[in-house]
């Protein structure tokens, strides 16, 4: 069962990505942009009350994390 994403807010997701080594570079409207050195993706996390499971899964995959790693952060 360990593949269930714990849904969270955009703010909480940003906090988790920062723990994983990502840095907030800017905020454009309601989207927070994060980068990581030597990484091809810029994560764009909307500051919504709750992120949908599809978007959250995509962001976790782009960040190079597993769902289990993200849930533990």
Protein backbone atom coordinates (compact mmCIF):
# COMPACT_ATOMS: atom_id res chain seq x y z
CA UNK A 1 0.00 0.00 0.00
CA UNK A 2 2.92 2.41 0.60
CA UNK A 3 2.29 4.27 -2.67
CA UNK A 4 -0.50 6.51 -1.35
CA UNK A 5 0.27 10.20 -1.62
CA UNK A 6 -0.55 12.19 1.49
CA UNK A 7 -2.38 15.21 0.11
CA UNK A 8 -1.11 18.54 1.35
CA UNK A 9 -1.35 22.26 0.72
CA UNK A 10 0.96 24.07 -1.68
CA UNK A 11 2.72 25.71 1.26
CA UNK A 12 3.36 22.34 2.91
CA UNK A 13 4.61 20.88 -0.39
CA UNK A 14 7.08 23.79 -0.76
CA UNK A 15 8.31 23.14 2.79
CA UNK A 16 8.85 19.45 1.98
CA UNK A 17 10.70 20.21 -1.27
CA UNK A 18 12.93 22.68 0.60
CA UNK A 19 13.84 19.90 3.05
CA UNK A 20 14.81 17.80 0.02
CA UNK A 21 17.30 20.45 -1.13
CA UNK A 22 15.16 22.64 -3.40
CA UNK A 23 15.39 26.45 -3.18
CA UNK A 24 12.60 28.98 -3.71
CA UNK A 25 13.78 31.32 -6.46
CA UNK A 26 10.66 33.40 -7.08
CA UNK A 27 6.93 33.59 -6.75
CA UNK A 28 4.76 34.56 -9.68
CA UNK A 29 1.17 35.11 -8.65
CA UNK A 30 0.05 32.07 -6.70
CA UNK A 31 2.86 29.82 -7.97
CA UNK A 32 6.13 29.30 -6.10
CA UNK A 33 9.11 28.36 -8.30
CA UNK A 34 11.80 26.10 -6.87
CA UNK A 35 15.13 25.04 -8.38
CA UNK A 36 17.92 22.67 -7.43
CA UNK A 37 21.53 22.90 -8.65
CA UNK A 38 22.35 20.67 -11.64
CA UNK A 39 18.69 19.73 -12.09
CA UNK A 40 16.72 20.12 -15.32
CA UNK A 41 13.33 20.95 -13.77
CA UNK A 42 11.99 24.09 -12.18
CA UNK A 43 9.15 23.06 -9.90
CA UNK A 44 6.10 25.31 -10.06
CA UNK A 45 3.98 24.73 -6.96
CA UNK A 46 0.62 26.51 -6.71
CA UNK A 47 -0.17 27.96 -3.28
CA UNK A 48 -3.54 26.22 -3.07
CA UNK A 49 -5.22 24.95 0.09
CA UNK A 50 -4.90 21.38 -1.22
CA UNK A 51 -2.99 20.08 -4.23
CA UNK A 52 -4.67 17.40 -6.33
CA UNK A 53 -3.13 13.93 -6.36
CA UNK A 54 -2.23 14.11 -10.07
CA UNK A 55 -0.35 17.40 -9.72
CA UNK A 56 1.35 16.27 -6.53
CA UNK A 57 2.46 13.02 -8.19
CA UNK A 58 3.88 14.96 -11.15
CA UNK A 59 5.81 17.36 -8.88
CA UNK A 60 7.22 14.49 -6.80
CA UNK A 61 8.35 12.69 -9.97
CA UNK A 62 9.94 15.88 -11.37
CA UNK A 63 11.75 16.42 -8.06
CA UNK A 64 13.32 12.97 -8.36
CA UNK A 65 11.66 11.72 -5.19
CA UNK A 66 9.57 8.67 -4.50
CA UNK A 67 6.13 9.02 -2.94
CA UNK A 68 7.47 7.37 0.22
CA UNK A 69 10.36 9.87 0.44
CA UNK A 70 7.99 12.81 -0.05
CA UNK A 71 5.56 11.53 2.59
CA UNK A 72 8.39 11.23 5.14
CA UNK A 73 9.59 14.82 4.66
